Protein backbone atom coordinates (compact mmCIF):
# COMPACT_ATOMS: atom_id res chain seq x y z
CA UNK A 1 -23.71 15.81 36.33
CA UNK A 2 -26.16 12.66 36.73
CA UNK A 3 -24.22 9.53 35.67
CA UNK A 4 -25.84 7.76 32.34
CA UNK A 5 -24.41 4.38 31.22
CA UNK A 6 -25.59 2.39 28.72
CA UNK A 7 -25.06 -1.53 27.47
CA UNK A 8 -25.23 -1.91 23.67
CA UNK A 9 -25.12 -5.44 22.56
CA UNK A 10 -25.29 -6.58 18.81
CA UNK A 11 -28.27 -8.56 17.96
CA UNK A 12 -26.15 -11.17 16.23
CA UNK A 13 -26.61 -13.79 18.58
CA UNK A 14 -27.29 -14.28 22.68
CA UNK A 15 -25.61 -13.02 25.23
CA UNK A 16 -22.41 -15.39 26.08
CA UNK A 17 -19.75 -15.45 29.02
CA UNK A 18 -17.72 -12.80 27.10
CA UNK A 19 -20.77 -10.22 26.73
CA UNK A 20 -21.96 -10.64 30.23
CA UNK A 21 -18.62 -9.64 31.80
CA UNK A 22 -19.33 -6.41 29.81
CA UNK A 23 -23.02 -6.16 30.58
CA UNK A 24 -22.45 -6.61 34.35
CA UNK A 25 -19.57 -4.23 34.89
CA UNK A 26 -21.53 -1.64 32.66
CA UNK A 27 -24.99 -2.24 35.18
CA UNK A 28 -22.68 -2.70 38.59
CA UNK A 29 -20.88 0.79 37.51
CA UNK A 30 -24.30 2.83 36.67
CA UNK A 31 -25.50 1.53 39.99
CA UNK A 32 -22.55 1.92 42.34
CA UNK A 33 -23.00 5.77 41.19
CA UNK A 34 -26.40 5.97 41.69
CA UNK A 35 -27.29 6.33 38.04
CA UNK A 36 -28.90 5.22 34.96
CA UNK A 37 -28.55 2.34 32.89
CA UNK A 38 -29.77 2.12 29.51
CA UNK A 39 -30.13 -0.39 26.83
CA UNK A 40 -29.66 0.14 23.34
CA UNK A 41 -29.74 -2.88 20.79
CA UNK A 42 -26.98 -1.72 18.00
CA UNK A 43 -28.67 -3.59 14.92
CA UNK A 44 -27.47 -0.61 12.62
CA UNK A 45 -25.44 -3.89 10.85
CA UNK A 46 -28.78 -5.37 9.31
CA UNK A 47 -26.89 -8.37 7.55
CA UNK A 48 -25.55 -9.49 10.76
CA UNK A 49 -28.81 -9.30 12.65
CA UNK A 50 -30.36 -12.61 13.92
CA UNK A 51 -34.25 -12.54 13.56
CA UNK A 52 -35.12 -12.78 17.84
CA UNK A 53 -32.01 -12.45 19.05
CA UNK A 54 -32.77 -8.79 20.49
CA UNK A 55 -35.68 -10.11 22.33
CA UNK A 56 -33.55 -12.93 23.54
CA UNK A 57 -30.87 -10.96 25.04
CA UNK A 58 -33.73 -8.66 26.79
CA UNK A 59 -34.80 -12.15 28.10
CA UNK A 60 -31.43 -13.19 29.20
CA UNK A 61 -30.86 -9.62 31.29
CA UNK A 62 -34.25 -9.80 32.93
CA UNK A 63 -33.53 -13.57 34.21
CA UNK A 64 -30.02 -12.29 35.35
CA UNK A 65 -31.81 -9.15 37.47
CA UNK A 66 -29.64 -6.89 35.24
CA UNK A 67 -32.83 -4.49 34.70
CA UNK A 68 -32.19 -1.19 32.58
CA UNK A 69 -34.35 2.37 33.01
CA UNK A 70 -36.53 3.37 30.31
CA UNK A 71 -36.86 2.23 27.07
CA UNK A 72 -34.50 0.06 24.93
CA UNK A 73 -33.25 2.17 21.89
CA UNK A 74 -33.04 0.74 18.42
CA UNK A 75 -30.29 1.76 16.01
CA UNK A 76 -32.18 0.80 13.08
CA UNK A 77 -34.78 3.45 13.47
CA UNK A 78 -32.40 6.19 14.17
CA UNK A 79 -31.25 6.49 10.19
CA UNK A 80 -32.46 10.49 10.14
CA UNK A 81 -30.48 11.07 13.70
CA UNK A 82 -27.23 9.83 11.68
CA UNK A 83 -28.19 11.39 8.23
CA UNK A 84 -28.32 14.70 10.21
CA UNK A 85 -24.99 14.39 11.65
CA UNK A 86 -23.22 13.37 8.33
CA UNK A 87 -24.64 16.21 6.62
CA UNK A 88 -23.50 18.59 9.19
CA UNK A 89 -19.93 17.15 8.78
CA UNK A 90 -20.33 17.09 4.99
CA UNK A 91 -21.17 20.65 4.87
CA UNK A 92 -18.10 21.51 6.48
CA UNK A 93 -16.16 19.55 4.15
CA UNK A 94 -15.37 16.68 6.37
CA UNK A 95 -16.48 14.06 4.28
CA UNK A 96 -15.57 12.82 0.99
CA UNK A 97 -16.06 9.74 -1.20
CA UNK A 98 -13.64 6.49 -1.66
CA UNK A 99 -13.38 4.03 -4.06
CA UNK A 100 -10.61 1.77 -2.51
CA UNK A 101 -11.72 -2.04 -2.03
CA UNK A 102 -10.85 -3.64 1.63
CA UNK A 103 -8.15 -5.54 -0.13
CA UNK A 104 -6.69 -2.66 -1.70
CA UNK A 105 -6.23 -0.92 1.66
CA UNK A 106 -5.41 -4.10 3.39
CA UNK A 107 -2.52 -4.59 0.53
CA UNK A 108 -1.31 -0.79 1.12
CA UNK A 109 0.50 -1.64 4.48
CA UNK A 110 2.67 -4.23 4.34
CA UNK A 111 2.79 -7.07 7.08
CA UNK A 112 4.31 -6.55 10.06
CA UNK A 113 4.60 -2.86 9.85
CA UNK A 114 4.44 -0.70 13.18
CA UNK A 115 1.14 1.07 11.65
CA UNK A 116 -0.96 -2.15 11.87
CA UNK A 117 -3.16 -1.85 14.87
CA UNK A 118 -2.98 -4.66 17.63
CA UNK A 119 -6.53 -6.08 16.12
CA UNK A 120 -5.13 -6.23 12.89
CA UNK A 121 -6.44 -3.32 11.25
CA UNK A 122 -4.48 -1.08 8.59
CA UNK A 123 -5.13 2.21 8.71
CA UNK A 124 -6.51 3.99 5.42
CA UNK A 125 -3.50 5.63 3.55
CA UNK A 126 -5.46 8.27 2.25
CA UNK A 127 -5.67 7.55 -1.48
CA UNK A 128 -8.67 9.05 -2.23
CA UNK A 129 -8.89 12.13 0.08
CA UNK A 130 -7.90 14.94 -2.61
CA UNK A 131 -10.15 13.11 -5.32
CA UNK A 132 -11.24 9.70 -6.61
CA UNK A 133 -8.73 8.14 -8.89
CA UNK A 134 -9.37 8.24 -12.22
CA UNK A 135 -12.27 5.59 -13.57
CA UNK A 136 -13.16 5.03 -9.67
CA UNK A 137 -16.49 5.79 -8.32
CA UNK A 138 -17.29 6.20 -4.47
CA UNK A 139 -17.79 2.97 -2.15
CA UNK A 140 -17.71 4.37 1.11
CA UNK A 141 -17.75 7.92 2.30
CA UNK A 142 -15.06 8.60 4.82
CA UNK A 143 -14.16 11.37 7.66
CA UNK A 144 -11.26 13.61 7.20
CA UNK A 145 -9.52 13.07 10.34
CA UNK A 146 -7.77 16.02 11.89
CA UNK A 147 -4.13 15.67 12.86
CA UNK A 148 -2.85 15.33 16.55
CA UNK A 149 -3.02 13.02 19.06
CA UNK A 150 -5.81 12.39 21.42
CA UNK A 151 -5.12 11.51 25.01
CA UNK A 152 -7.74 10.15 27.53
CA UNK A 153 -7.92 8.08 30.90
CA UNK A 154 -9.08 4.78 30.73
CA UNK A 155 -10.61 3.91 34.25
CA UNK A 156 -9.36 0.51 34.42
CA UNK A 157 -6.34 0.91 32.30
CA UNK A 158 -5.13 4.36 32.83
CA UNK A 159 -3.69 7.11 30.56
CA UNK A 160 -4.20 6.29 26.72
CA UNK A 161 -3.09 7.97 23.57
CA UNK A 162 -3.37 7.54 19.92
CA UNK A 163 -2.84 10.08 16.49
CA UNK A 164 -5.82 8.58 14.70
CA UNK A 165 -4.62 10.06 11.79
CA UNK A 166 -1.60 8.15 11.70
CA UNK A 167 -2.80 4.91 13.50
CA UNK A 168 -6.17 4.80 11.80
CA UNK A 169 -6.35 7.20 8.95
CA UNK A 170 -10.06 8.63 7.61
CA UNK A 171 -12.26 6.11 8.74
CA UNK A 172 -15.54 5.36 7.21
CA UNK A 173 -19.02 6.86 8.13
CA UNK A 174 -20.83 5.49 5.66
CA UNK A 175 -20.06 1.60 4.26
CA UNK A 176 -19.88 0.58 0.82
CA UNK A 177 -23.37 -1.45 1.22
CA UNK A 178 -24.97 1.87 2.27
CA UNK A 179 -25.16 1.11 5.90
CA UNK A 180 -24.29 3.52 8.30
CA UNK A 181 -20.63 2.88 9.91
CA UNK A 182 -20.77 1.56 13.59
CA UNK A 183 -18.44 4.89 14.49
CA UNK A 184 -21.00 7.65 13.41
CA UNK A 185 -23.85 5.33 14.94
CA UNK A 186 -22.68 4.68 18.43
CA UNK A 187 -21.36 8.37 18.60
CA UNK A 188 -24.14 9.95 17.62
CA UNK A 189 -26.43 7.63 19.77
CA UNK A 190 -24.25 8.19 22.85
CA UNK A 191 -24.74 12.15 22.27
CA UNK A 192 -28.53 11.82 22.13
CA UNK A 193 -28.79 9.61 25.18
CA UNK A 194 -26.86 12.19 27.21
CA UNK A 195 -24.32 9.14 28.17
CA UNK A 196 -21.67 10.20 30.63
CA UNK A 197 -19.89 6.76 30.93
CA UNK A 198 -19.29 3.96 28.83
CA UNK A 199 -18.34 0.65 30.05
CA UNK A 200 -17.25 -2.09 27.52
CA UNK A 201 -14.77 -4.72 26.17
CA UNK A 202 -11.34 -4.09 26.29
CA UNK A 203 -11.74 -5.03 22.17
CA UNK A 204 -13.13 -1.79 21.57
CA UNK A 205 -10.39 0.35 23.28
CA UNK A 206 -8.85 1.03 19.80
CA UNK A 207 -12.13 2.58 18.70
CA UNK A 208 -12.11 5.16 21.60
CA UNK A 209 -9.80 7.78 20.27
CA UNK A 210 -11.47 7.79 16.79
CA UNK A 211 -14.85 7.99 18.34
CA UNK A 212 -13.77 11.13 20.60
CA UNK A 213 -12.53 12.54 17.81
CA UNK A 214 -15.95 12.43 15.64
CA UNK A 215 -18.05 13.46 19.34
CA UNK A 216 -15.58 16.73 19.35
CA UNK A 217 -16.33 17.46 15.86
CA UNK A 218 -20.20 17.01 16.43
CA UNK A 219 -20.03 19.26 19.24
CA UNK A 220 -20.83 16.49 21.80
CA UNK A 221 -19.69 15.99 25.10
CA UNK A 222 -16.99 13.14 25.63
CA UNK A 223 -18.09 10.48 28.08
CA UNK A 224 -15.63 8.59 30.77
CA UNK A 225 -14.13 5.37 29.63
CA UNK A 226 -13.75 2.28 31.06
CA UNK A 227 -12.56 -1.01 29.26
CA UNK A 228 -12.65 -4.49 30.84
CA UNK A 229 -10.87 -7.43 30.19
CA UNK A 230 -11.85 -10.03 27.64
CA UNK A 231 -12.79 -13.84 28.38
CA UNK A 232 -10.67 -15.91 25.92
CA UNK A 233 -11.47 -19.28 25.39
CA UNK A 234 -8.59 -21.58 27.16
CA UNK A 235 -8.34 -24.02 24.35
CA UNK A 236 -7.99 -21.72 21.22
CA UNK A 237 -6.87 -18.21 23.30
CA UNK A 238 -9.25 -16.63 21.08
CA UNK A 239 -11.73 -14.19 22.66
CA UNK A 240 -15.51 -15.63 23.47
CA UNK A 241 -17.34 -14.42 20.67
CA UNK A 242 -20.54 -15.20 18.82
CA UNK A 243 -18.13 -15.30 15.97
CA UNK A 244 -16.16 -18.02 17.43
CA UNK A 245 -19.18 -20.02 18.25
CA UNK A 246 -19.16 -19.27 22.26
CA UNK A 247 -22.36 -20.87 23.57
CA UNK A 248 -25.29 -18.70 24.80
CA UNK A 249 -25.64 -17.98 28.89
CA UNK A 250 -27.49 -20.85 30.97
CA UNK A 251 -29.96 -18.37 32.32
CA UNK A 252 -31.60 -21.11 34.59
CA UNK A 253 -28.42 -20.58 36.69
CA UNK A 254 -28.16 -17.32 37.18
CA UNK A 255 -26.05 -17.12 40.35
CA UNK A 256 -23.74 -19.62 38.72
CA UNK A 257 -23.25 -17.04 35.56
CA UNK A 258 -23.08 -14.11 37.49
CA UNK A 259 -20.64 -15.29 40.04
CA UNK A 260 -18.42 -16.45 36.80
CA UNK A 261 -18.41 -13.15 35.33
CA UNK A 262 -17.72 -11.40 38.16
CA UNK A 263 -14.89 -13.59 38.64
CA UNK A 264 -13.68 -12.70 35.32
CA UNK A 265 -13.63 -8.89 36.47
CA UNK A 266 -10.73 -10.28 38.86
CA UNK A 267 -12.96 -10.09 41.81
CA UNK A 268 -13.12 -12.46 44.76
CA UNK A 269 -16.18 -14.95 45.08
CA UNK A 270 -19.50 -13.89 46.51
CA UNK A 271 -21.73 -15.91 48.78
CA UNK A 272 -25.08 -15.07 48.01
CA UNK A 273 -28.38 -16.78 48.64
CA UNK A 274 -30.15 -15.42 45.38
CA UNK A 275 -29.59 -12.67 42.59
CA UNK A 276 -30.79 -9.59 44.47
CA UNK A 277 -28.54 -10.64 47.18
CA UNK A 278 -25.51 -11.12 44.77
CA UNK A 279 -25.66 -7.76 42.69
CA UNK A 280 -26.16 -5.66 46.04
CA UNK A 281 -22.62 -7.10 47.32
CA UNK A 282 -21.37 -6.79 43.67
CA UNK A 283 -22.17 -3.27 43.44
CA UNK A 284 -20.76 -2.28 46.71
CA UNK A 285 -17.39 -3.97 46.12
CA UNK A 286 -17.76 -2.11 42.81
CA UNK A 287 -18.13 1.32 44.10
CA UNK A 288 -15.09 0.54 46.51
CA UNK A 289 -12.83 -0.11 43.64
CA UNK A 290 -14.31 2.68 41.57
CA UNK A 291 -15.48 5.25 43.80
CA UNK A 292 -17.34 8.55 42.76
C-alpha cells in the first residue's frame, strides 16, 4: 500500500512551535516511507477561522522546506461530502437530534468522576437517545455509538483501548450552530484522500477511538496513527497553542525552528549547513526509529 500522510492545520492563526512539531513529524514519516504528504486546511469551524491565516501557514511551511504533494484541500469546500456521509448514517437510523446544552451535559457528570476524560470532556449521558424530552427541539445531531471496546496500537505510545460508548457517549456529527463537527469532517476527508497514516499531536489521541468507530460505520479504511508529544510552556505548564497565545514561528531562522522541533520530538541535535541537509538527515534518523 502506498503511504499517504497529511498535515491538517486549522487556520485560526499562524503555526507556532507546538504545531511545527506535528508538521515536522508528519512530513518526516511520509518522506521516510517514500510516501505522499498532503496538506488539508481544516476550516470547517468558520467562526474560528482568521482571514489570511491559511495563506500564512502555507508560506511558513514552504519557508521551512516542508513542501506538500499536490494541491491543498479545504474543508469549507467539502460540504456536500459531509452531507452525503451524514445522510448515509441517518438512513440506517444511526443519527438522532439532541436538545441538550453544553452546560447540561457538563453538569450531568459530577466533577472528579472517573468517567471524565483526561482533557476534561464529559461523556454524553444519552438524554435524547430515545427521543427529545417534552418541549425540547433538536440543537445538535448525534451518532448512535455502538457498544464495545475500540483497540488500536499507536506507533509512538503503544497499545490503546477505549469504550467509546461509555467514555465519550454519542458524539455530535452536526453542531448546534449548524456547522459540521470536526469528528465527521476529519473521518470523511481522510477516507476521501486515501490517508493511510495519521501523525499528529498527543492532544488528539482521545479522538482516535471515536474516529475509528465512525470510519468503520462509513465503511472506510482505518489509518495507522502516531501521536507525538506536546510542547508545553515552561512557565504555565500549558500546551503551546494559538488559544494560549503561542508566538508565531520565526521563519527567518528556519534551521533554528526545525532544530527546536526535532529536539522536542526527543532526538539528538543535527549539525547541518542548510534546511535540505537538515531534513535529509532527520528523515534518515526518523526512518531508523520508525522503519517501514
